[in-house]
Amino acid sequence: MKRSTFKILFAVKPSKVSRNGEYPVFMRITVNGKRLETTLTLTVDINKWNKDAEKLIGKDRKTAELNSRLDTVRLCIMEIYREMEFEALEVNPLMILNRYRGVEDDNRRTLLAVFKEHNERCRKLAGKDMSPATVMRYETSYRHTEQFIKSQYKKDDVYLDDVNHQFINDYEFFLKTERNCNHNSATV
């Protein structure tokens, strides 16, 4: 798996001014060219903002506190990105922001998790509504799918919305070439 590109940028937008005359700080998260901008709950004096350093200039207490908060946000976002990379997830800016805000995307399910749930249900039906041999075939299919994901994508699992036509074609090719399945066994 190729390494993704990642950047965090803090900026002040002069077109937006708050009631107190200060300007909100925006954070832009970029992953592999995909961007997401959000407003932080910080407002700053635009005359003290250093665009290049992405911080405030000054030594007063308020400036130090605001700079400290910006550093904390940056470190937190970077840590979330590293965790997601370690988890071998396809990282995008929205996922990072959601995790930062404490909003987990429960709707995104993974292929092997769904496959595992399916096989557990089938095991309970073995001998009742389903042949034990069929259950064994599902287990074999699960292992083949797991091996394919690890060899092709260098991940432990993939999200269901990442399963596309190319994934299916590659999986069929894997079954025929690596697992030596014949056409009828490999056709998905």
N, C-alpha and C. Protein backbone atom coordinates (compact mmCIF):
# COMPACT_ATOMS: atom_id res chain seq x y z
N MET A 1 0.84 -1.17 0.00
CA MET A 1 0.00 0.00 0.00
C MET A 1 0.89 1.23 0.00
N LYS A 2 0.58 2.18 -0.89
CA LYS A 2 1.39 3.39 -0.93
C LYS A 2 1.03 4.31 0.22
N ARG A 3 2.00 5.08 0.62
CA ARG A 3 1.81 6.00 1.72
C ARG A 3 0.99 7.20 1.25
N SER A 4 0.09 7.65 2.11
CA SER A 4 -0.76 8.77 1.73
C SER A 4 -0.09 10.10 2.12
N THR A 5 -0.52 11.17 1.46
CA THR A 5 -0.03 12.49 1.80
C THR A 5 -0.99 13.12 2.79
N PHE A 6 -0.45 13.91 3.69
CA PHE A 6 -1.25 14.47 4.78
C PHE A 6 -0.73 15.84 5.16
N LYS A 7 -1.65 16.79 5.36
CA LYS A 7 -1.25 18.14 5.75
C LYS A 7 -2.36 18.78 6.57
N ILE A 8 -1.95 19.56 7.56
CA ILE A 8 -2.87 20.37 8.36
C ILE A 8 -2.47 21.82 8.16
N LEU A 9 -3.45 22.67 7.94
CA LEU A 9 -3.18 24.09 7.75
C LEU A 9 -4.15 24.88 8.62
N PHE A 10 -3.63 25.88 9.33
CA PHE A 10 -4.47 26.82 10.06
C PHE A 10 -4.41 28.15 9.33
N ALA A 11 -5.55 28.79 9.19
CA ALA A 11 -5.61 30.08 8.50
C ALA A 11 -6.73 30.93 9.07
N VAL A 12 -6.62 32.21 8.82
CA VAL A 12 -7.65 33.16 9.21
C VAL A 12 -8.27 33.69 7.92
N LYS A 13 -9.58 33.69 7.86
CA LYS A 13 -10.26 34.20 6.67
C LYS A 13 -10.74 35.62 6.95
N PRO A 14 -10.15 36.60 6.27
CA PRO A 14 -10.52 37.99 6.51
C PRO A 14 -11.97 38.31 6.15
N SER A 15 -12.59 37.49 5.33
CA SER A 15 -13.97 37.77 4.93
C SER A 15 -14.98 37.46 6.04
N LYS A 16 -14.56 36.72 7.04
CA LYS A 16 -15.45 36.35 8.14
C LYS A 16 -14.98 37.07 9.40
N VAL A 17 -15.83 37.86 9.97
CA VAL A 17 -15.47 38.57 11.19
C VAL A 17 -16.54 38.29 12.25
N SER A 18 -16.09 38.06 13.47
CA SER A 18 -17.03 37.79 14.55
C SER A 18 -17.50 39.11 15.17
N ARG A 19 -18.44 39.03 16.08
CA ARG A 19 -19.01 40.23 16.71
C ARG A 19 -17.98 41.02 17.49
N ASN A 20 -16.99 40.34 18.03
CA ASN A 20 -15.98 41.04 18.84
C ASN A 20 -14.86 41.65 17.98
N GLY A 21 -15.00 41.58 16.66
CA GLY A 21 -14.01 42.16 15.77
C GLY A 21 -12.84 41.25 15.46
N GLU A 22 -12.84 40.06 16.03
CA GLU A 22 -11.78 39.09 15.75
C GLU A 22 -12.23 38.16 14.63
N TYR A 23 -11.28 37.41 14.13
CA TYR A 23 -11.55 36.54 12.99
C TYR A 23 -11.41 35.07 13.40
N PRO A 24 -12.29 34.22 12.88
CA PRO A 24 -12.21 32.80 13.24
C PRO A 24 -11.01 32.13 12.57
N VAL A 25 -10.48 31.13 13.26
CA VAL A 25 -9.39 30.33 12.72
C VAL A 25 -10.01 29.12 12.03
N PHE A 26 -9.59 28.89 10.80
CA PHE A 26 -10.03 27.73 10.04
C PHE A 26 -8.92 26.69 10.05
N MET A 27 -9.33 25.44 10.02
CA MET A 27 -8.37 24.36 9.90
C MET A 27 -8.69 23.62 8.61
N ARG A 28 -7.67 23.38 7.81
CA ARG A 28 -7.83 22.59 6.60
C ARG A 28 -7.03 21.31 6.77
N ILE A 29 -7.70 20.18 6.57
CA ILE A 29 -7.05 18.87 6.60
C ILE A 29 -7.03 18.37 5.16
N THR A 30 -5.85 17.99 4.68
CA THR A 30 -5.71 17.47 3.32
C THR A 30 -5.09 16.08 3.39
N VAL A 31 -5.76 15.12 2.78
CA VAL A 31 -5.25 13.75 2.69
C VAL A 31 -5.37 13.32 1.23
N ASN A 32 -4.24 12.99 0.62
CA ASN A 32 -4.20 12.55 -0.78
C ASN A 32 -4.95 13.52 -1.70
N GLY A 33 -4.77 14.80 -1.47
CA GLY A 33 -5.38 15.81 -2.33
C GLY A 33 -6.82 16.14 -2.00
N LYS A 34 -7.45 15.38 -1.10
CA LYS A 34 -8.82 15.67 -0.69
C LYS A 34 -8.78 16.62 0.51
N ARG A 35 -9.53 17.71 0.41
CA ARG A 35 -9.49 18.73 1.46
C ARG A 35 -10.80 18.82 2.21
N LEU A 36 -10.66 19.25 3.45
CA LEU A 36 -11.83 19.55 4.27
C LEU A 36 -11.48 20.75 5.13
N GLU A 37 -12.33 21.75 5.11
CA GLU A 37 -12.12 22.94 5.94
C GLU A 37 -13.19 23.00 7.00
N THR A 38 -12.79 23.42 8.18
CA THR A 38 -13.74 23.60 9.27
C THR A 38 -13.28 24.77 10.12
N THR A 39 -14.23 25.41 10.77
CA THR A 39 -13.90 26.52 11.65
C THR A 39 -13.64 25.97 13.04
N LEU A 40 -12.56 26.42 13.64
CA LEU A 40 -12.29 26.08 15.03
C LEU A 40 -13.06 27.06 15.91
N THR A 41 -13.16 26.78 17.17
CA THR A 41 -13.87 27.67 18.08
C THR A 41 -12.95 28.76 18.61
N LEU A 42 -11.99 29.15 17.82
CA LEU A 42 -11.03 30.18 18.22
C LEU A 42 -11.20 31.40 17.32
N THR A 43 -11.14 32.58 17.93
CA THR A 43 -11.10 33.81 17.15
C THR A 43 -9.84 34.56 17.55
N VAL A 44 -9.25 35.26 16.57
CA VAL A 44 -7.97 35.94 16.81
C VAL A 44 -7.99 37.34 16.21
N ASP A 45 -7.08 38.15 16.71
CA ASP A 45 -6.83 39.48 16.15
C ASP A 45 -6.02 39.26 14.88
N ILE A 46 -6.57 39.67 13.75
CA ILE A 46 -5.92 39.41 12.45
C ILE A 46 -4.56 40.09 12.35
N ASN A 47 -4.36 41.18 13.08
CA ASN A 47 -3.08 41.89 13.04
C ASN A 47 -1.96 41.11 13.73
N LYS A 48 -2.34 40.16 14.59
CA LYS A 48 -1.34 39.34 15.28
C LYS A 48 -1.09 38.00 14.58
N TRP A 49 -1.85 37.71 13.54
CA TRP A 49 -1.75 36.40 12.88
C TRP A 49 -0.55 36.34 11.94
N ASN A 50 0.28 35.31 12.12
CA ASN A 50 1.41 35.06 11.24
C ASN A 50 1.01 33.93 10.30
N LYS A 51 0.78 34.27 9.06
CA LYS A 51 0.29 33.32 8.06
C LYS A 51 1.28 32.17 7.83
N ASP A 52 2.56 32.48 7.78
CA ASP A 52 3.57 31.46 7.51
C ASP A 52 3.73 30.48 8.67
N ALA A 53 3.74 31.01 9.88
CA ALA A 53 3.91 30.16 11.07
C ALA A 53 2.59 29.51 11.49
N GLU A 54 1.48 30.02 10.94
CA GLU A 54 0.14 29.54 11.30
C GLU A 54 -0.10 29.68 12.79
N LYS A 55 0.35 30.80 13.34
CA LYS A 55 0.22 31.09 14.78
C LYS A 55 0.06 32.59 14.97
N LEU A 56 -0.18 32.94 16.22
CA LEU A 56 -0.24 34.35 16.59
C LEU A 56 1.14 34.84 17.00
N ILE A 57 1.40 36.12 16.76
CA ILE A 57 2.66 36.75 17.17
C ILE A 57 2.38 37.48 18.47
N GLY A 58 3.28 37.34 19.40
CA GLY A 58 3.13 38.05 20.67
C GLY A 58 3.47 37.17 21.84
N LYS A 59 3.66 37.82 22.99
CA LYS A 59 4.06 37.08 24.18
C LYS A 59 3.06 37.21 25.32
N ASP A 60 1.95 37.90 25.06
CA ASP A 60 0.97 38.06 26.13
C ASP A 60 0.28 36.73 26.42
N ARG A 61 -0.40 36.68 27.54
CA ARG A 61 -0.98 35.44 28.04
C ARG A 61 -2.03 34.87 27.07
N LYS A 62 -2.90 35.73 26.56
CA LYS A 62 -3.96 35.28 25.65
C LYS A 62 -3.36 34.67 24.37
N THR A 63 -2.34 35.31 23.83
CA THR A 63 -1.67 34.81 22.63
C THR A 63 -1.05 33.45 22.90
N ALA A 64 -0.38 33.32 24.03
CA ALA A 64 0.25 32.04 24.39
C ALA A 64 -0.80 30.94 24.53
N GLU A 65 -1.94 31.26 25.15
CA GLU A 65 -3.01 30.27 25.31
C GLU A 65 -3.58 29.84 23.96
N LEU A 66 -3.83 30.81 23.09
CA LEU A 66 -4.37 30.48 21.77
C LEU A 66 -3.38 29.65 20.95
N ASN A 67 -2.10 30.01 20.99
CA ASN A 67 -1.08 29.23 20.28
C ASN A 67 -0.99 27.81 20.85
N SER A 68 -1.11 27.71 22.16
CA SER A 68 -1.07 26.39 22.80
C SER A 68 -2.26 25.54 22.33
N ARG A 69 -3.43 26.16 22.23
CA ARG A 69 -4.61 25.42 21.76
C ARG A 69 -4.43 24.97 20.31
N LEU A 70 -3.86 25.84 19.48
CA LEU A 70 -3.60 25.46 18.09
C LEU A 70 -2.63 24.28 18.02
N ASP A 71 -1.57 24.33 18.84
CA ASP A 71 -0.61 23.22 18.88
C ASP A 71 -1.28 21.93 19.32
N THR A 72 -2.16 22.03 20.31
CA THR A 72 -2.87 20.86 20.82
C THR A 72 -3.76 20.26 19.74
N VAL A 73 -4.48 21.11 19.02
CA VAL A 73 -5.35 20.62 17.94
C VAL A 73 -4.50 19.94 16.87
N ARG A 74 -3.40 20.57 16.48
CA ARG A 74 -2.52 20.01 15.45
C ARG A 74 -2.00 18.63 15.88
N LEU A 75 -1.51 18.53 17.11
CA LEU A 75 -0.99 17.25 17.60
C LEU A 75 -2.08 16.18 17.65
N CYS A 76 -3.26 16.57 18.07
CA CYS A 76 -4.37 15.63 18.16
C CYS A 76 -4.75 15.11 16.77
N ILE A 77 -4.85 16.00 15.80
CA ILE A 77 -5.19 15.60 14.43
C ILE A 77 -4.10 14.69 13.86
N MET A 78 -2.84 15.03 14.11
CA MET A 78 -1.74 14.19 13.63
C MET A 78 -1.78 12.81 14.25
N GLU A 79 -2.10 12.74 15.53
CA GLU A 79 -2.18 11.45 16.22
C GLU A 79 -3.32 10.61 15.66
N ILE A 80 -4.44 11.24 15.40
CA ILE A 80 -5.58 10.52 14.81
C ILE A 80 -5.20 9.97 13.44
N TYR A 81 -4.52 10.77 12.65
CA TYR A 81 -4.08 10.32 11.33
C TYR A 81 -3.15 9.11 11.46
N ARG A 82 -2.20 9.18 12.38
CA ARG A 82 -1.26 8.06 12.57
C ARG A 82 -2.00 6.79 13.01
N GLU A 83 -2.97 6.95 13.92
CA GLU A 83 -3.75 5.80 14.37
C GLU A 83 -4.49 5.15 13.20
N MET A 84 -5.10 5.99 12.38
CA MET A 84 -5.86 5.46 11.24
C MET A 84 -4.94 4.78 10.23
N GLU A 85 -3.77 5.33 10.01
CA GLU A 85 -2.80 4.69 9.13
C GLU A 85 -2.38 3.34 9.72
N PHE A 86 -2.15 3.30 11.04
CA PHE A 86 -1.76 2.07 11.71
C PHE A 86 -2.87 1.02 11.61
N GLU A 87 -4.13 1.48 11.68
CA GLU A 87 -5.28 0.58 11.56
C GLU A 87 -5.50 0.15 10.11
N ALA A 88 -4.65 0.64 9.22
CA ALA A 88 -4.71 0.32 7.78
C ALA A 88 -6.05 0.73 7.17
N LEU A 89 -6.55 1.88 7.60
CA LEU A 89 -7.80 2.41 7.05
C LEU A 89 -7.50 3.30 5.85
N GLU A 90 -8.42 3.36 4.92
CA GLU A 90 -8.35 4.33 3.83
C GLU A 90 -8.74 5.66 4.45
N VAL A 91 -7.77 6.47 4.77
CA VAL A 91 -8.01 7.70 5.52
C VAL A 91 -8.48 8.80 4.58
N ASN A 92 -9.48 9.55 5.04
CA ASN A 92 -9.89 10.76 4.34
C ASN A 92 -10.11 11.85 5.38
N PRO A 93 -10.14 13.12 4.96
CA PRO A 93 -10.24 14.22 5.93
C PRO A 93 -11.48 14.16 6.81
N LEU A 94 -12.61 13.73 6.26
CA LEU A 94 -13.84 13.67 7.06
C LEU A 94 -13.73 12.64 8.18
N MET A 95 -13.10 11.51 7.90
CA MET A 95 -12.91 10.49 8.94
C MET A 95 -12.06 11.05 10.08
N ILE A 96 -11.01 11.79 9.73
CA ILE A 96 -10.14 12.38 10.75
C ILE A 96 -10.93 13.38 11.59
N LEU A 97 -11.66 14.27 10.92
CA LEU A 97 -12.43 15.28 11.64
C LEU A 97 -13.50 14.64 12.52
N ASN A 98 -14.18 13.63 12.01
CA ASN A 98 -15.20 12.95 12.81
C ASN A 98 -14.61 12.32 14.05
N ARG A 99 -13.46 11.68 13.91
CA ARG A 99 -12.84 11.06 15.09
C ARG A 99 -12.38 12.14 16.06
N TYR A 100 -11.87 13.24 15.56
CA TYR A 100 -11.45 14.36 16.42
C TYR A 100 -12.64 14.89 17.21
N ARG A 101 -13.78 14.98 16.56
CA ARG A 101 -14.99 15.49 17.22
C ARG A 101 -15.71 14.42 18.05
N GLY A 102 -15.21 13.20 18.00
CA GLY A 102 -15.83 12.12 18.77
C GLY A 102 -17.00 11.48 18.07
N VAL A 103 -17.12 11.70 16.77
CA VAL A 103 -18.21 11.13 15.99
C VAL A 103 -17.64 9.98 15.17
N GLU A 104 -17.95 8.77 15.56
CA GLU A 104 -17.48 7.61 14.80
C GLU A 104 -18.50 7.28 13.72
N ASP A 105 -18.03 6.88 12.58
CA ASP A 105 -18.91 6.56 11.46
C ASP A 105 -19.34 5.10 11.59
N ASP A 106 -20.44 4.89 12.30
CA ASP A 106 -20.92 3.53 12.53
C ASP A 106 -21.54 2.90 11.28
N ASN A 107 -21.87 3.73 10.31
CA ASN A 107 -22.50 3.21 9.10
C ASN A 107 -21.50 2.54 8.17
N ARG A 108 -20.23 2.80 8.35
CA ARG A 108 -19.22 2.19 7.48
C ARG A 108 -18.85 0.83 8.05
N ARG A 109 -19.26 -0.18 7.36
CA ARG A 109 -18.97 -1.53 7.81
C ARG A 109 -17.91 -2.13 6.90
N THR A 110 -17.21 -3.11 7.42
CA THR A 110 -16.15 -3.73 6.64
C THR A 110 -16.60 -5.07 6.07
N LEU A 111 -15.97 -5.45 4.98
CA LEU A 111 -16.33 -6.67 4.28
C LEU A 111 -16.18 -7.90 5.16
N LEU A 112 -15.03 -8.05 5.80
CA LEU A 112 -14.81 -9.25 6.60
C LEU A 112 -15.70 -9.30 7.84
N ALA A 113 -16.04 -8.14 8.39
CA ALA A 113 -16.96 -8.12 9.54
C ALA A 113 -18.34 -8.62 9.13
N VAL A 114 -18.82 -8.18 7.98
CA VAL A 114 -20.12 -8.64 7.48
C VAL A 114 -20.05 -10.12 7.13
N PHE A 115 -18.95 -10.52 6.52
CA PHE A 115 -18.75 -11.92 6.15
C PHE A 115 -18.76 -12.80 7.41
N LYS A 116 -18.07 -12.34 8.45
CA LYS A 116 -18.00 -13.09 9.70
C LYS A 116 -19.39 -13.24 10.33
N GLU A 117 -20.17 -12.15 10.34
CA GLU A 117 -21.55 -12.21 10.87
C GLU A 117 -22.37 -13.23 10.08
N HIS A 118 -22.23 -13.19 8.77
CA HIS A 118 -22.95 -14.13 7.90
C HIS A 118 -22.59 -15.57 8.26
N ASN A 119 -21.30 -15.83 8.39
CA ASN A 119 -20.85 -17.20 8.68
C ASN A 119 -21.31 -17.67 10.06
N GLU A 120 -21.35 -16.76 11.03
CA GLU A 120 -21.83 -17.13 12.36
C GLU A 120 -23.31 -17.54 12.31
N ARG A 121 -24.09 -16.82 11.54
CA ARG A 121 -25.50 -17.17 11.38
C ARG A 121 -25.64 -18.51 10.67
N CYS A 122 -24.80 -18.74 9.67
CA CYS A 122 -24.84 -20.01 8.94
C CYS A 122 -24.48 -21.18 9.84
N ARG A 123 -23.49 -20.98 10.72
CA ARG A 123 -23.10 -22.04 11.66
C ARG A 123 -24.28 -22.46 12.53
N LYS A 124 -25.08 -21.49 12.94
CA LYS A 124 -26.26 -21.80 13.77
C LYS A 124 -27.33 -22.56 12.99
N LEU A 125 -27.31 -22.41 11.67
CA LEU A 125 -28.28 -23.10 10.82
C LEU A 125 -27.77 -24.45 10.32
N ALA A 126 -26.50 -24.75 10.58
CA ALA A 126 -25.91 -26.01 10.11
C ALA A 126 -26.70 -27.20 10.65
N GLY A 127 -27.09 -28.08 9.74
CA GLY A 127 -27.84 -29.27 10.12
C GLY A 127 -29.33 -29.01 10.25
N LYS A 128 -29.75 -27.76 10.26
CA LYS A 128 -31.18 -27.43 10.36
C LYS A 128 -31.70 -26.96 9.00
N ASP A 129 -31.16 -25.84 8.57
CA ASP A 129 -31.62 -25.26 7.31
C ASP A 129 -30.49 -25.21 6.28
N MET A 130 -29.31 -25.63 6.71
CA MET A 130 -28.13 -25.53 5.84
C MET A 130 -27.23 -26.73 6.08
N SER A 131 -26.65 -27.20 5.01
CA SER A 131 -25.75 -28.34 5.09
C SER A 131 -24.45 -27.93 5.78
N PRO A 132 -23.89 -28.77 6.66
CA PRO A 132 -22.59 -28.48 7.26
C PRO A 132 -21.49 -28.27 6.21
N ALA A 133 -21.60 -28.95 5.08
CA ALA A 133 -20.61 -28.78 4.01
C ALA A 133 -20.68 -27.36 3.42
N THR A 134 -21.87 -26.81 3.34
CA THR A 134 -22.04 -25.44 2.84
C THR A 134 -21.40 -24.45 3.80
N VAL A 135 -21.59 -24.69 5.09
CA VAL A 135 -20.99 -23.82 6.10
C VAL A 135 -19.47 -23.86 5.98
N MET A 136 -18.91 -25.06 5.76
CA MET A 136 -17.46 -25.18 5.58
C MET A 136 -16.99 -24.41 4.35
N ARG A 137 -17.78 -24.43 3.28
CA ARG A 137 -17.42 -23.69 2.07
C ARG A 137 -17.42 -22.18 2.33
N TYR A 138 -18.39 -21.72 3.13
CA TYR A 138 -18.40 -20.30 3.48
C TYR A 138 -17.17 -19.93 4.30
N GLU A 139 -16.76 -20.81 5.20
CA GLU A 139 -15.56 -20.56 6.01
C GLU A 139 -14.31 -20.49 5.11
N THR A 140 -14.24 -21.40 4.15
CA THR A 140 -13.12 -21.39 3.20
C THR A 140 -13.14 -20.11 2.39
N SER A 141 -14.31 -19.71 1.96
CA SER A 141 -14.44 -18.47 1.19
C SER A 141 -14.01 -17.26 2.02
N TYR A 142 -14.34 -17.27 3.30
CA TYR A 142 -13.91 -16.18 4.19
C TYR A 142 -12.38 -16.11 4.24
N ARG A 143 -11.74 -17.27 4.43
CA ARG A 143 -10.27 -17.30 4.51
C ARG A 143 -9.64 -16.83 3.20
N HIS A 144 -10.21 -17.24 2.07
CA HIS A 144 -9.70 -16.78 0.77
C HIS A 144 -9.83 -15.26 0.65
N THR A 145 -10.96 -14.74 1.08
CA THR A 145 -11.19 -13.29 1.00
C THR A 145 -10.19 -12.55 1.90
N GLU A 146 -9.97 -13.08 3.08
CA GLU A 146 -9.01 -12.48 4.02
C GLU A 146 -7.60 -12.47 3.41
N GLN A 147 -7.20 -13.60 2.82
CA GLN A 147 -5.88 -13.68 2.17
C GLN A 147 -5.77 -12.70 1.01
N PHE A 148 -6.83 -12.59 0.23
CA PHE A 148 -6.84 -11.67 -0.91
C PHE A 148 -6.64 -10.23 -0.45
N ILE A 149 -7.37 -9.82 0.56
CA ILE A 149 -7.27 -8.44 1.05
C ILE A 149 -5.86 -8.17 1.56
N LYS A 150 -5.29 -9.13 2.29
CA LYS A 150 -3.93 -8.93 2.81
C LYS A 150 -2.89 -8.89 1.69
N SER A 151 -3.04 -9.75 0.69
CA SER A 151 -2.03 -9.78 -0.37
C SER A 151 -2.21 -8.63 -1.37
N GLN A 152 -3.43 -8.28 -1.69
CA GLN A 152 -3.69 -7.26 -2.71
C GLN A 152 -3.64 -5.84 -2.14
N TYR A 153 -4.20 -5.65 -0.95
CA TYR A 153 -4.33 -4.30 -0.40
C TYR A 153 -3.42 -4.04 0.80
N LYS A 154 -2.75 -5.07 1.30
CA LYS A 154 -1.86 -4.95 2.47
C LYS A 154 -2.62 -4.37 3.67
N LYS A 155 -3.85 -4.83 3.85
CA LYS A 155 -4.72 -4.38 4.94
C LYS A 155 -5.34 -5.59 5.60
N ASP A 156 -5.92 -5.36 6.76
CA ASP A 156 -6.63 -6.43 7.45
C ASP A 156 -8.08 -6.55 6.98
N ASP A 157 -8.63 -5.47 6.44
CA ASP A 157 -10.03 -5.47 6.01
C ASP A 157 -10.25 -4.27 5.09
N VAL A 158 -11.38 -4.25 4.40
CA VAL A 158 -11.75 -3.10 3.56
C VAL A 158 -13.20 -2.72 3.87
N TYR A 159 -13.49 -1.45 3.68
CA TYR A 159 -14.87 -1.00 3.87
C TYR A 159 -15.73 -1.49 2.72
N LEU A 160 -17.00 -1.72 3.03
CA LEU A 160 -17.92 -2.21 2.00
C LEU A 160 -18.03 -1.25 0.83
N ASP A 161 -17.98 0.05 1.11
CA ASP A 161 -18.10 0.99 0.00
C ASP A 161 -16.83 1.05 -0.86
N ASP A 162 -15.78 0.35 -0.45
CA ASP A 162 -14.58 0.24 -1.28
C ASP A 162 -14.61 -1.00 -2.18
N VAL A 163 -15.63 -1.84 -1.99
CA VAL A 163 -15.79 -3.03 -2.83
C VAL A 163 -16.49 -2.59 -4.11
N ASN A 164 -15.72 -2.51 -5.17
CA ASN A 164 -16.25 -2.05 -6.46
C ASN A 164 -15.98 -3.12 -7.52
N HIS A 165 -16.27 -2.78 -8.75
CA HIS A 165 -16.10 -3.73 -9.86
C HIS A 165 -14.65 -4.21 -9.98
N GLN A 166 -13.71 -3.29 -9.80
CA GLN A 166 -12.29 -3.65 -9.88
C GLN A 166 -11.92 -4.65 -8.78
N PHE A 167 -12.43 -4.42 -7.57
CA PHE A 167 -12.19 -5.33 -6.45
C PHE A 167 -12.67 -6.73 -6.82
N ILE A 168 -13.87 -6.82 -7.35
CA ILE A 168 -14.45 -8.12 -7.70
C ILE A 168 -13.63 -8.82 -8.79
N ASN A 169 -13.25 -8.07 -9.81
CA ASN A 169 -12.42 -8.66 -10.87
C ASN A 169 -11.08 -9.15 -10.33
N ASP A 170 -10.45 -8.34 -9.49
CA ASP A 170 -9.17 -8.74 -8.89
C ASP A 170 -9.33 -9.96 -8.00
N TYR A 171 -10.44 -10.02 -7.27
CA TYR A 171 -10.70 -11.16 -6.39
C TYR A 171 -10.90 -12.44 -7.21
N GLU A 172 -11.66 -12.34 -8.27
CA GLU A 172 -11.86 -13.51 -9.14
C GLU A 172 -10.53 -13.99 -9.71
N PHE A 173 -9.70 -13.06 -10.16
CA PHE A 173 -8.38 -13.40 -10.69
C PHE A 173 -7.53 -14.07 -9.61
N PHE A 174 -7.57 -13.55 -8.39
CA PHE A 174 -6.84 -14.13 -7.26
C PHE A 174 -7.29 -15.57 -7.01
N LEU A 175 -8.60 -15.79 -7.00
CA LEU A 175 -9.12 -17.14 -6.74
C LEU A 175 -8.65 -18.13 -7.81
N LYS A 176 -8.63 -17.68 -9.05
CA LYS A 176 -8.24 -18.58 -10.14
C LYS A 176 -6.73 -18.82 -10.18
N THR A 177 -5.94 -17.79 -9.89
CA THR A 177 -4.49 -17.93 -10.02
C THR A 177 -3.80 -18.35 -8.73
N GLU A 178 -4.17 -17.76 -7.62
CA GLU A 178 -3.49 -18.05 -6.35
C GLU A 178 -4.11 -19.23 -5.61
N ARG A 179 -5.42 -19.37 -5.68
CA ARG A 179 -6.10 -20.44 -4.94
C ARG A 179 -6.46 -21.61 -5.85
N ASN A 180 -6.15 -21.49 -7.14
CA ASN A 180 -6.40 -22.55 -8.13
C ASN A 180 -7.86 -23.02 -8.16
N CYS A 181 -8.77 -22.08 -8.00
CA CYS A 181 -10.20 -22.41 -8.10
C CYS A 181 -10.58 -22.44 -9.58
N ASN A 182 -11.48 -23.36 -9.93
CA ASN A 182 -11.92 -23.40 -11.33
C ASN A 182 -12.97 -22.31 -11.56
N HIS A 183 -13.42 -22.19 -12.80
CA HIS A 183 -14.31 -21.09 -13.18
C HIS A 183 -15.59 -21.05 -12.33
N ASN A 184 -16.23 -22.20 -12.15
CA ASN A 184 -17.49 -22.22 -11.40
C ASN A 184 -17.28 -21.89 -9.92
N SER A 185 -16.16 -22.27 -9.36
CA SER A 185 -15.88 -21.96 -7.95
C SER A 185 -15.48 -20.51 -7.76
N ALA A 186 -14.82 -19.95 -8.75
CA ALA A 186 -14.26 -18.60 -8.61
C ALA A 186 -15.22 -17.50 -9.04
N THR A 187 -16.22 -17.82 -9.83
CA THR A 187 -17.13 -16.78 -10.32
C THR A 187 -17.90 -16.20 -9.15
N VAL A 188 -17.79 -14.89 -9.03
CA VAL A 188 -18.45 -14.21 -7.91
C VAL A 188 -19.58 -13.34 -8.39
